[in-house]
Protein backbone atom coordinates (compact mmCIF):
# COMPACT_ATOMS: atom_id res chain seq x y z
CA MET A 1 20.85 27.88 1.22
CA LYS A 2 21.12 27.83 -2.54
CA ILE A 3 20.16 24.53 -4.17
CA THR A 4 22.43 23.73 -7.07
CA ARG A 5 21.51 21.47 -9.96
CA PHE A 6 23.81 18.80 -8.58
CA ARG A 7 22.11 18.85 -5.17
CA LEU A 8 18.68 18.78 -6.80
CA ALA A 9 19.67 15.80 -8.97
CA LEU A 10 21.15 14.03 -5.93
CA LEU A 11 17.99 14.66 -3.92
CA ALA A 12 15.81 13.35 -6.77
CA LEU A 13 17.97 10.22 -7.06
CA PHE A 14 17.74 9.63 -3.32
CA ALA A 15 13.94 9.99 -3.42
CA ILE A 16 13.66 7.46 -6.26
CA VAL A 17 15.92 4.93 -4.54
CA ALA A 18 14.08 5.36 -1.22
CA SER A 19 10.70 4.81 -2.87
CA PHE A 20 11.86 1.55 -4.47
CA ALA A 21 13.51 0.34 -1.27
CA GLY A 22 10.39 1.08 0.78
CA SER A 23 8.02 -0.68 -1.63
CA THR A 24 10.24 -3.77 -1.87
CA GLN A 25 10.56 -4.03 1.88
CA ALA A 26 6.83 -3.63 2.51
CA SER A 27 5.96 -6.28 -0.07
CA ALA A 28 8.52 -8.74 1.30
CA GLN A 29 7.29 -8.82 4.88
CA SER A 30 4.18 -8.34 6.95
CA PHE A 31 3.96 -6.21 10.07
CA SER A 32 1.25 -5.14 12.48
CA ILE A 33 0.29 -1.93 14.26
CA GLN A 34 -1.38 -1.98 17.66
CA ILE A 35 -4.60 0.05 17.47
CA GLY A 36 -7.36 0.02 20.06
CA THR A 37 -10.30 1.02 17.89
CA PRO A 38 -11.56 -1.29 15.15
CA PRO A 39 -12.08 0.14 11.66
CA PRO A 40 -15.51 1.39 10.58
CA PRO A 41 -17.76 -1.01 8.62
CA MET A 42 -16.58 -1.92 5.12
CA VAL A 43 -17.87 0.04 2.14
CA TYR A 44 -18.86 -2.37 -0.61
CA GLU A 45 -17.79 -1.23 -4.06
CA HIS A 46 -18.69 -2.47 -7.51
CA ARG A 47 -15.71 -4.18 -9.12
CA TRP A 48 -15.42 -3.20 -12.77
CA ALA A 49 -13.75 -5.04 -15.66
CA PRO A 50 -9.93 -5.13 -15.61
CA PRO A 51 -8.46 -2.28 -17.68
CA TYR A 52 -5.51 -4.38 -18.91
CA ARG A 53 -4.26 -7.96 -19.00
CA GLY A 54 -2.63 -9.13 -15.77
CA ALA A 55 -4.33 -6.45 -13.65
CA VAL A 56 -4.97 -7.42 -10.02
CA TRP A 57 -7.92 -5.95 -8.10
CA ILE A 58 -7.02 -4.41 -4.74
CA PRO A 59 -10.33 -4.18 -2.85
CA GLY A 60 -11.31 -1.04 -0.99
CA HIS A 61 -10.20 -1.04 2.64
CA HIS A 62 -9.58 1.15 5.67
CA GLU A 63 -6.01 2.18 6.46
CA TRP A 64 -4.69 3.66 9.71
CA ILE A 65 -3.17 7.01 8.65
CA ASN A 66 -2.09 9.79 11.04
CA GLY A 67 -4.06 8.38 13.96
CA ARG A 68 -7.37 7.77 12.22
CA TRP A 69 -9.07 5.33 9.85
CA VAL A 70 -9.11 6.46 6.20
CA TRP A 71 -11.05 4.68 3.42
CA VAL A 72 -8.99 3.77 0.34
CA GLY A 73 -11.14 2.89 -2.67
CA GLY A 74 -10.53 -0.28 -4.67
CA TYR A 75 -8.31 -0.16 -7.75
CA TYR A 76 -6.48 -2.31 -10.31
CA THR A 77 -2.68 -2.55 -10.45
CA TYR A 78 0.13 -4.82 -11.59
CA PRO A 79 1.82 -7.08 -9.04
CA PRO A 80 5.40 -5.95 -8.31
CA ARG A 81 6.67 -9.36 -9.42
CA ARG A 82 5.22 -12.15 -11.51
CA GLY A 83 3.06 -14.62 -9.60
CA GLY A 84 2.20 -12.18 -6.82
CA TYR A 85 -1.20 -12.04 -5.14
CA TRP A 86 -2.73 -9.46 -2.82
CA VAL A 87 -3.31 -10.33 0.84
CA PRO A 88 -6.03 -7.95 2.12
CA ALA A 89 -5.57 -5.82 5.23
CA ARG A 90 -7.15 -7.17 8.41
CA TYR A 91 -7.85 -6.11 11.97
CA ARG A 92 -7.66 -8.75 14.68
CA GLY A 93 -7.46 -8.49 18.46
CA GLY A 94 -6.49 -4.81 18.57
CA TYR A 95 -3.82 -5.17 15.86
CA TYR A 96 -4.00 -3.85 12.30
CA TYR A 97 -2.21 -5.89 9.62
CA PRO A 98 -1.84 -3.84 6.42
CA GLY A 99 -2.47 -5.44 3.03
CA HIS A 100 0.61 -6.68 1.20
CA TRP A 101 1.86 -8.67 -1.77
CA ALA A 102 2.73 -12.33 -1.24
CA TYR A 103 4.36 -14.93 -3.49
């Protein structure tokens, strides 16, 4: 199948819209995933100075990706909206609750 410029542009537009829709939805609500095994022990990282004004520190944490725990190192970012704060991921009673933005 030959991909025309129009199809490529349409596909790129769809990908951009889908990425914004997914990030807005994830930040607006919290969900849980049932997982039997608890995450490995936390890795404690040194938190460095914020690189810019308004930066929010997202601490390092384990995420459940493709059926296994993966460590995601801490980083600074902007909140998606003004006044947002980060709620860290947690594991409780066999359920994993991913980190998310709250307002």
